Amino acid sequence: MVNKVLIISPVPLFPVYSGNRKRIYAICRSLMQMGYSIDFFYTGFEKTLSDEHKNFINGRVLEHSVNRNHGLLKELKIRLNEIWNGLFMRADFIKRVIFDGFDSGRYNHSLHEYKSVRKVLLLQKQLSLSKSDYSAVIVNYAVFTHYFSLFDSEVVKIVDAHDKLTDRYKIFLSKGGKPSTWFSLRYTDEMRALRRADILWAITDEEEEYYRGMLSDTEMNIMTLGHIQPFQKAVKLCGSKTILMVGSDNQLNISGFYWFYERVWKTIRNSLPGVRILVAGSICKKLPDFAKEDGIVLYGSYNTEDEIFTKADLCINPMQEGTGLKIKTVEALSFGKPVLSALSGAAGLSAFRDKGLICSDDPDFWKKTLTEIMMDDEKLKALVISLEEQVKVYYQKNLKAISHSLPHKEDGDHN
């Protein structure tokens, strides 16, 4: 009998446009290719999921729409639990302000904010009705590990951390910006959430070491699982020499683009005739002033990675701040495109240094490197050749991490 795995996610899989969606999609795809049967439970707020989910998942897409038409007594019980959960949220806010200060109180969050009483009951009901014998359950993000309480001790509980969440709001405050609505927790809350798991997937080696320090008094199995993307070279179509930047409308991406434009591109564009900057992704919606800028093309949204990477000679990631692995950097390398990146955009990818990935925060270095590569076809070809083998090594390493985490058919009771 095929081993079954339940994926619990706060984001849909489709459309596959953001880094976290791409990561979850890639893990689901890899598990199914390994022979696992996958069920999917969505914890977010969208009322419907596209039919693509049912067409992609080889198991069941569980019901995610909560029912508010319970009987009077049951509805009263649910409301009391929601009120109780809200009181815990308020108590956590007061605790953050007292012990950490006003910024932590305002921008960090309580774990109780991510606990939907109705969603938990909905999943619990489906588990009891289907009697699904899961070998493992994978929860995405530490803030949703409360779902592990629905499973007995024989089920392997894996948390895909995605990013370290402790005080993430400080990334924005340090630059004078307004913190994003990203998950951000106190150190003790992140630790408490992660302790519920048997296995923790960190997205970079650096974050694996961070979690090992945080959870040093536990026997948790902590390992690095990067982005799972096989090498598939996107052959450049004819046309202008093109430098590609892909990004969402995240403020860190926007700031990175402005850094590149002001401190690099404005200086060298006249020395690179015929070279254009192609910007793809939802970031384009935040850059309307560049629509008429000579040498810059706002491509906008796209359907497949092939659609944009076949237009590129070189990719850039000028993001100056951020946490975790930058999926777009891995994607570019996996499609055979060399990447010039700021140090933050290359986090967790040290194995690619000088093997298709060039890293620096120095704008003068960027000017020199872009000019040399765009003016020298042989140098560009050499970069492409150097990255292919490393992408294949990285891909196999990540597949092994998944395989070592999960029960196999010969592992006994879960067959």
Protein backbone atom coordinates (compact mmCIF):
# COMPACT_ATOMS: atom_id res chain seq x y z
CA MET A 1 0.00 0.00 0.00
CA VAL A 2 1.28 3.48 -0.90
CA ASN A 3 2.43 5.73 1.94
CA LYS A 4 0.21 8.77 2.38
CA VAL A 5 1.39 12.26 3.28
CA LEU A 6 -0.75 15.25 4.23
CA ILE A 7 0.46 18.72 3.22
CA ILE A 8 -0.91 21.62 5.29
CA SER A 9 -0.38 25.01 3.67
CA PRO A 10 -1.49 28.62 4.30
CA VAL A 11 -1.14 29.41 0.58
CA PRO A 12 -2.68 27.78 -2.49
CA LEU A 13 -0.42 25.95 -4.92
CA PHE A 14 -1.87 27.69 -7.98
CA PRO A 15 -1.16 29.99 -9.60
CA VAL A 16 2.49 29.15 -8.89
CA TYR A 17 3.94 32.65 -8.83
CA SER A 18 5.49 33.33 -5.40
CA GLY A 19 8.55 31.75 -3.82
CA ASN A 20 6.65 29.93 -1.09
CA ARG A 21 4.11 28.50 -3.54
CA LYS A 22 6.89 27.33 -5.82
CA ARG A 23 8.63 25.62 -2.90
CA ILE A 24 5.49 23.81 -1.71
CA TYR A 25 4.58 22.85 -5.28
CA ALA A 26 8.07 21.45 -5.89
CA ILE A 27 7.97 19.39 -2.69
CA CYS A 28 4.54 17.97 -3.58
CA ARG A 29 5.74 17.12 -7.08
CA SER A 30 8.87 15.41 -5.75
CA LEU A 31 6.92 13.36 -3.20
CA MET A 32 4.50 12.14 -5.85
CA GLN A 33 7.40 11.23 -8.14
CA MET A 34 8.85 9.20 -5.25
CA GLY A 35 5.62 7.22 -5.05
CA TYR A 36 3.81 8.91 -2.16
CA SER A 37 0.10 9.70 -2.20
CA ILE A 38 -0.47 13.35 -1.31
CA ASP A 39 -3.48 14.98 0.32
CA PHE A 40 -3.62 18.78 0.57
CA PHE A 41 -5.28 20.95 3.23
CA TYR A 42 -5.42 24.72 2.72
CA THR A 43 -5.57 26.86 5.88
CA GLY A 44 -5.90 30.28 4.24
CA PHE A 45 -8.83 32.60 3.60
CA GLU A 46 -9.60 32.15 -0.10
CA LYS A 47 -13.07 30.64 -0.48
CA THR A 48 -12.25 28.44 -3.44
CA LEU A 49 -9.20 26.72 -4.85
CA SER A 50 -8.70 26.37 -8.59
CA ASP A 51 -9.37 23.05 -10.32
CA GLU A 52 -5.64 22.85 -10.98
CA HIS A 53 -5.20 21.64 -7.40
CA LYS A 54 -7.36 18.54 -7.95
CA ASN A 55 -5.71 17.88 -11.30
CA PHE A 56 -2.23 18.09 -9.77
CA ILE A 57 -2.60 16.34 -6.40
CA ASN A 58 -2.67 12.53 -6.70
CA GLY A 59 -4.69 12.15 -3.49
CA ARG A 60 -7.43 14.38 -2.11
CA VAL A 61 -7.77 18.13 -1.83
CA LEU A 62 -9.51 18.33 1.52
CA GLU A 63 -12.45 20.64 2.16
CA HIS A 64 -11.20 23.98 3.50
CA SER A 65 -14.34 26.16 3.67
CA VAL A 66 -15.52 26.42 7.26
CA ASN A 67 -19.13 25.77 8.23
CA ARG A 68 -20.93 28.44 10.25
CA ASN A 69 -24.28 26.66 10.34
CA HIS A 70 -23.76 24.44 13.35
CA GLY A 71 -26.46 23.78 15.91
CA LEU A 72 -26.90 26.35 18.66
CA LEU A 73 -24.96 24.49 21.36
CA LYS A 74 -22.05 23.56 19.10
CA GLU A 75 -21.85 27.08 17.69
CA LEU A 76 -21.81 28.47 21.23
CA LYS A 77 -18.95 26.17 22.14
CA ILE A 78 -16.99 27.24 19.06
CA ARG A 79 -17.55 30.92 19.82
CA LEU A 80 -16.36 30.43 23.40
CA ASN A 81 -13.18 28.77 22.09
CA GLU A 82 -12.65 31.66 19.68
CA ILE A 83 -13.10 34.18 22.51
CA TRP A 84 -10.67 32.23 24.66
CA ASN A 85 -8.17 32.18 21.80
CA GLY A 86 -8.59 35.95 21.43
CA LEU A 87 -7.87 36.47 25.13
CA PHE A 88 -4.60 34.58 24.71
CA MET A 89 -3.75 36.86 21.77
CA ARG A 90 -4.33 39.92 23.92
CA ALA A 91 -2.28 38.50 26.77
CA ASP A 92 0.60 37.78 24.37
CA PHE A 93 0.49 41.37 23.10
CA ILE A 94 0.80 42.72 26.64
CA LYS A 95 3.66 40.31 27.33
CA ARG A 96 5.54 41.44 24.22
CA VAL A 97 5.19 45.11 25.14
CA ILE A 98 6.30 44.55 28.75
CA PHE A 99 9.27 42.29 28.02
CA ASP A 100 10.39 43.41 24.55
CA GLY A 101 9.03 46.89 23.99
CA PHE A 102 6.37 48.58 21.89
CA ASP A 103 7.81 47.59 18.48
CA SER A 104 7.68 43.90 19.36
CA GLY A 105 4.18 44.34 20.70
CA ARG A 106 3.06 45.99 17.50
CA TYR A 107 4.90 44.02 14.82
CA ASN A 108 5.49 40.56 16.30
CA HIS A 109 2.49 38.27 16.48
CA SER A 110 1.00 35.75 18.86
CA LEU A 111 0.88 32.12 17.77
CA HIS A 112 -2.81 32.27 18.65
CA GLU A 113 -3.38 34.72 15.76
CA TYR A 114 -2.71 31.86 13.35
CA LYS A 115 -5.01 29.37 15.04
CA SER A 116 -8.42 29.18 13.40
CA VAL A 117 -10.65 27.20 15.74
CA ARG A 118 -13.01 26.42 12.88
CA LYS A 119 -10.25 25.26 10.52
CA VAL A 120 -8.86 22.93 13.18
CA LEU A 121 -12.31 21.45 13.76
CA LEU A 122 -12.86 21.10 10.01
CA LEU A 123 -9.65 19.13 9.54
CA GLN A 124 -10.31 17.06 12.65
CA LYS A 125 -13.73 16.07 11.31
CA GLN A 126 -12.33 15.04 7.94
CA LEU A 127 -9.59 12.99 9.56
CA SER A 128 -12.10 11.12 11.72
CA LEU A 129 -14.46 10.42 8.82
CA SER A 130 -11.85 9.27 6.32
CA LYS A 131 -9.67 7.37 8.80
CA SER A 132 -6.71 8.37 6.62
CA ASP A 133 -3.60 6.47 7.64
CA TYR A 134 -0.95 9.12 7.06
CA SER A 135 2.71 8.18 7.31
CA ALA A 136 3.64 11.83 7.72
CA VAL A 137 2.17 15.31 7.90
CA ILE A 138 4.08 18.32 6.59
CA VAL A 139 3.14 21.73 7.97
CA ASN A 140 4.39 24.83 6.20
CA TYR A 141 5.63 27.56 8.56
CA ALA A 142 6.17 27.29 12.30
CA VAL A 143 3.04 29.31 13.08
CA PHE A 144 0.78 26.47 11.92
CA THR A 145 2.33 23.60 13.89
CA HIS A 146 -0.71 23.55 16.21
CA TYR A 147 -2.23 21.22 13.58
CA PHE A 148 0.21 18.51 14.72
CA SER A 149 -1.98 18.00 17.81
CA LEU A 150 -4.54 16.24 15.58
CA PHE A 151 -2.16 13.36 14.83
CA ASP A 152 -0.93 10.53 17.02
CA SER A 153 2.70 9.83 17.87
CA GLU A 154 3.18 7.30 15.04
CA VAL A 155 2.70 9.96 12.37
CA VAL A 156 5.97 11.68 11.42
CA LYS A 157 5.52 15.42 11.96
CA ILE A 158 7.60 17.63 9.67
CA VAL A 159 7.68 21.41 9.76
CA ASP A 160 9.01 23.22 6.70
CA ALA A 161 10.21 26.42 8.35
CA HIS A 162 10.63 28.39 5.07
CA ASP A 163 12.31 31.24 7.00
CA LYS A 164 13.35 32.00 10.53
CA LEU A 165 10.59 34.15 11.96
CA THR A 166 12.13 35.70 15.07
CA ASP A 167 11.82 39.51 14.93
CA ARG A 168 11.55 39.64 11.13
CA TYR A 169 9.96 43.08 11.39
CA LYS A 170 13.38 44.50 12.30
CA ILE A 171 14.54 44.05 8.71
CA PHE A 172 12.21 46.88 7.71
CA LEU A 173 12.67 49.12 10.73
CA SER A 174 16.45 49.05 10.31
CA LYS A 175 15.99 50.64 6.87
CA GLY A 176 13.38 53.14 8.01
CA GLY A 177 10.55 51.30 6.30
CA LYS A 178 7.19 50.03 7.45
CA PRO A 179 7.26 46.34 8.44
CA SER A 180 5.52 43.95 6.09
CA THR A 181 2.65 41.73 7.16
CA TRP A 182 5.02 38.76 7.06
CA PHE A 183 5.02 36.27 9.91
CA SER A 184 7.15 37.67 12.76
CA LEU A 185 7.48 36.10 16.21
CA ARG A 186 9.31 36.42 19.49
CA TYR A 187 12.23 34.01 19.80
CA THR A 188 10.48 32.01 22.52
CA ASP A 189 7.30 31.69 20.44
CA GLU A 190 9.16 30.44 17.38
CA MET A 191 11.00 27.92 19.55
CA ARG A 192 7.76 26.75 21.16
CA ALA A 193 6.09 26.28 17.78
CA LEU A 194 8.99 24.33 16.30
CA ARG A 195 9.24 21.99 19.28
CA ARG A 196 5.98 20.36 18.18
CA ALA A 197 7.72 18.75 15.19
CA ASP A 198 9.80 15.58 14.84
CA ILE A 199 11.71 16.88 11.83
CA LEU A 200 12.53 20.45 10.82
CA TRP A 201 13.42 21.49 7.29
CA ALA A 202 15.56 24.63 7.25
CA ILE A 203 15.83 26.40 3.92
CA THR A 204 19.58 27.17 4.14
CA ASP A 205 22.62 25.75 5.95
CA GLU A 206 22.87 29.00 7.91
CA GLU A 207 19.31 28.68 9.16
CA GLU A 208 19.89 25.02 10.01
CA GLU A 209 22.67 26.13 12.37
CA TYR A 210 20.39 28.78 13.84
CA TYR A 211 17.71 26.19 14.60
CA ARG A 212 20.26 23.76 16.03
CA GLY A 213 21.22 26.42 18.54
CA MET A 214 17.60 27.25 19.32
CA LEU A 215 16.60 23.59 19.78
CA SER A 216 19.84 22.21 21.20
CA ASP A 217 18.07 20.59 24.16
CA THR A 218 15.83 18.48 21.89
CA GLU A 219 16.42 15.36 19.80
CA MET A 220 14.71 16.88 16.78
CA ASN A 221 16.09 15.91 13.38
CA ILE A 222 17.06 19.22 11.73
CA MET A 223 18.24 19.30 8.13
CA THR A 224 18.59 21.70 5.22
CA LEU A 225 16.13 21.41 2.35
CA GLY A 226 16.70 23.98 -0.36
CA HIS A 227 14.56 24.54 -3.44
CA ILE A 228 13.95 21.44 -5.56
CA GLN A 229 14.47 22.40 -9.18
CA PRO A 230 16.15 20.12 -11.75
CA PHE A 231 18.49 21.57 -14.34
CA GLN A 232 16.62 22.42 -17.54
CA LYS A 233 18.53 24.82 -19.69
CA ALA A 234 16.40 27.56 -21.21
CA VAL A 235 17.96 28.31 -24.58
CA LYS A 236 18.11 32.03 -25.31
CA LEU A 237 15.93 33.07 -28.20
CA CYS A 238 17.23 35.61 -30.67
CA GLY A 239 16.90 39.26 -29.82
CA SER A 240 18.56 41.99 -27.79
CA LYS A 241 21.00 41.13 -25.07
CA THR A 242 18.88 40.99 -21.96
CA ILE A 243 19.44 41.28 -18.22
CA LEU A 244 16.46 39.78 -16.39
CA MET A 245 15.11 40.60 -12.94
CA VAL A 246 12.20 38.55 -11.60
CA GLY A 247 10.36 39.63 -8.46
CA SER A 248 7.11 39.94 -6.57
CA ASP A 249 5.78 43.30 -5.38
CA ASN A 250 7.50 42.79 -2.03
CA GLN A 251 8.99 46.06 -0.73
CA LEU A 252 12.44 44.45 -0.47
CA ASN A 253 12.37 43.63 -4.19
CA ILE A 254 11.24 47.15 -5.04
CA SER A 255 14.01 48.70 -2.94
CA GLY A 256 16.50 46.35 -4.57
CA PHE A 257 15.44 47.44 -8.04
CA TYR A 258 15.80 51.11 -7.15
CA TRP A 259 19.27 50.40 -5.74
CA PHE A 260 20.24 48.74 -9.01
CA TYR A 261 18.76 51.49 -11.17
CA GLU A 262 20.19 54.44 -9.25
CA ARG A 263 23.60 53.06 -8.33
CA VAL A 264 24.40 50.78 -11.26
CA TRP A 265 22.26 51.04 -14.38
CA LYS A 266 22.11 54.83 -14.76
CA THR A 267 25.90 54.89 -14.87
CA ILE A 268 26.54 52.10 -17.37
CA ARG A 269 23.52 52.05 -19.68
CA ASN A 270 25.15 54.31 -22.29
CA SER A 271 28.18 52.03 -22.43
CA LEU A 272 25.98 48.99 -23.15
CA PRO A 273 24.13 49.90 -26.35
CA GLY A 274 21.49 47.36 -27.30
CA VAL A 275 21.35 45.81 -23.83
CA ARG A 276 17.97 45.95 -22.12
CA ILE A 277 16.67 45.31 -18.60
CA LEU A 278 13.65 43.00 -18.57
CA VAL A 279 11.61 43.09 -15.34
CA ALA A 280 9.08 40.28 -14.79
CA GLY A 281 6.60 39.48 -12.05
CA SER A 282 4.19 41.47 -9.93
CA ILE A 283 6.96 43.95 -9.04
CA CYS A 284 6.13 45.65 -12.35
CA LYS A 285 2.89 46.97 -10.84
CA LYS A 286 4.98 48.99 -8.39
CA LEU A 287 7.27 50.48 -11.04
CA PRO A 288 4.92 52.49 -13.31
CA ASP A 289 7.42 55.34 -13.70
CA PHE A 290 9.75 53.02 -15.61
CA ALA A 291 7.22 52.05 -18.29
CA LYS A 292 8.65 54.65 -20.67
CA GLU A 293 12.25 54.39 -19.52
CA ASP A 294 14.59 53.69 -22.42
CA GLY A 295 16.24 50.28 -22.11
CA ILE A 296 13.84 48.97 -19.43
CA VAL A 297 10.95 46.66 -20.30
CA LEU A 298 8.25 45.91 -17.71
CA TYR A 299 7.12 42.45 -18.80
CA GLY A 300 4.67 41.89 -15.94
CA SER A 301 3.14 38.52 -15.14
CA TYR A 302 4.06 35.34 -16.98
CA ASN A 303 2.67 31.81 -17.24
CA THR A 304 5.80 29.66 -17.23
CA GLU A 305 9.44 30.18 -16.30
CA ASP A 306 10.44 29.19 -19.83
CA GLU A 307 8.51 32.20 -21.07
CA ILE A 308 10.91 34.62 -19.40
CA PHE A 309 14.19 32.71 -19.06
CA THR A 310 14.37 32.08 -22.82
CA LYS A 311 14.55 35.86 -23.19
CA ALA A 312 17.48 36.31 -20.78
CA ASP A 313 21.26 36.18 -21.08
CA LEU A 314 21.93 36.99 -17.43
CA CYS A 315 19.78 37.39 -14.31
CA ILE A 316 20.19 39.80 -11.42
CA ASN A 317 18.96 39.80 -7.84
CA PRO A 318 19.77 43.18 -6.25
CA MET A 319 17.75 42.52 -3.05
CA GLN A 320 19.71 44.12 -0.22
CA GLU A 321 17.83 42.58 2.72
CA GLY A 322 15.76 39.53 3.49
CA THR A 323 15.78 36.13 5.14
CA GLY A 324 16.00 32.58 3.89
CA LEU A 325 16.64 31.24 0.42
CA LYS A 326 15.76 33.32 -2.63
CA ILE A 327 13.81 30.89 -4.81
CA LYS A 328 14.17 33.13 -7.85
CA THR A 329 17.98 32.88 -7.64
CA VAL A 330 17.82 29.06 -7.58
CA GLU A 331 15.34 29.08 -10.46
CA ALA A 332 17.55 31.24 -12.65
CA LEU A 333 20.56 28.99 -12.04
CA SER A 334 18.46 25.88 -12.68
CA PHE A 335 17.39 27.27 -16.05
CA GLY A 336 21.03 27.76 -16.99
CA LYS A 337 21.21 31.50 -16.38
CA PRO A 338 24.18 33.03 -14.56
CA VAL A 339 23.16 35.33 -11.72
CA LEU A 340 24.72 38.54 -10.42
CA SER A 341 23.34 38.99 -6.93
CA ALA A 342 23.61 41.08 -3.81
CA LEU A 343 24.84 39.03 -0.85
CA SER A 344 21.33 38.75 0.60
CA GLY A 345 19.98 37.38 -2.67
CA ALA A 346 22.59 34.63 -2.64
CA ALA A 347 22.05 33.46 0.95
CA GLY A 348 22.30 29.69 1.31
CA LEU A 349 23.92 29.24 -2.10
CA SER A 350 27.62 29.40 -1.28
CA ALA A 351 28.22 26.21 -3.30
CA PHE A 352 27.38 28.19 -6.45
CA ARG A 353 29.91 30.95 -5.83
CA ASP A 354 32.01 31.34 -8.97
CA LYS A 355 29.97 28.54 -10.54
CA GLY A 356 27.44 30.72 -12.26
CA LEU A 357 26.68 32.86 -9.20
CA ILE A 358 28.53 36.14 -8.68
CA CYS A 359 27.92 37.99 -5.41
CA SER A 360 28.65 41.50 -4.20
CA ASP A 361 27.01 44.48 -2.52
CA ASP A 362 29.46 46.90 -4.15
CA PRO A 363 27.79 48.91 -6.95
CA ASP A 364 31.16 49.50 -8.62
CA PHE A 365 31.70 45.75 -8.78
CA TRP A 366 28.26 45.39 -10.36
CA LYS A 367 29.07 48.00 -13.00
CA LYS A 368 32.35 46.33 -13.90
CA THR A 369 30.92 42.80 -13.92
CA LEU A 370 27.84 43.62 -15.99
CA THR A 371 29.91 45.51 -18.53
CA GLU A 372 32.42 42.66 -18.88
CA ILE A 373 29.81 39.91 -19.19
CA MET A 374 27.51 41.76 -21.57
CA MET A 375 30.44 42.68 -23.82
CA ASP A 376 32.10 39.25 -23.82
CA ASP A 377 30.08 36.29 -25.15
CA GLU A 378 32.80 33.79 -24.21
CA LYS A 379 32.73 34.87 -20.57
CA LEU A 380 28.95 34.46 -20.54
CA LYS A 381 29.21 30.95 -22.04
CA ALA A 382 31.83 29.95 -19.46
CA LEU A 383 29.51 30.97 -16.63
CA VAL A 384 26.70 28.84 -18.06
CA ILE A 385 28.96 25.79 -18.36
CA SER A 386 30.24 26.17 -14.79
CA LEU A 387 26.80 26.15 -13.17
CA GLU A 388 25.20 23.08 -14.77
CA GLU A 389 26.96 20.39 -12.71
CA GLN A 390 26.47 22.30 -9.45
CA VAL A 391 22.72 22.61 -10.08
CA LYS A 392 22.53 18.83 -10.54
CA VAL A 393 24.46 18.21 -7.29
CA TYR A 394 22.22 20.65 -5.40
CA TYR A 395 19.07 19.03 -6.79
CA GLN A 396 20.11 15.50 -5.76
CA LYS A 397 21.11 16.69 -2.29
CA ASN A 398 17.62 18.10 -1.73
CA LEU A 399 15.88 14.99 -3.01
CA LYS A 400 17.89 12.92 -0.53
CA ALA A 401 16.84 15.24 2.31
CA ILE A 402 13.17 14.56 1.52
CA SER A 403 13.74 10.83 1.15
CA HIS A 404 15.57 10.60 4.49
CA SER A 405 12.74 12.44 6.25
CA LEU A 406 9.84 10.20 5.29
CA PRO A 407 8.84 6.61 6.00
CA HIS A 408 9.26 4.19 3.11
CA LYS A 409 7.22 1.17 2.13
CA GLU A 410 9.57 -1.16 3.96
CA ASP A 411 9.35 0.86 7.19
CA GLY A 412 6.56 -1.20 8.71
CA ASP A 413 3.16 -0.19 9.95
CA HIS A 414 2.61 2.64 7.48
CA ASN A 415 2.61 0.35 4.46
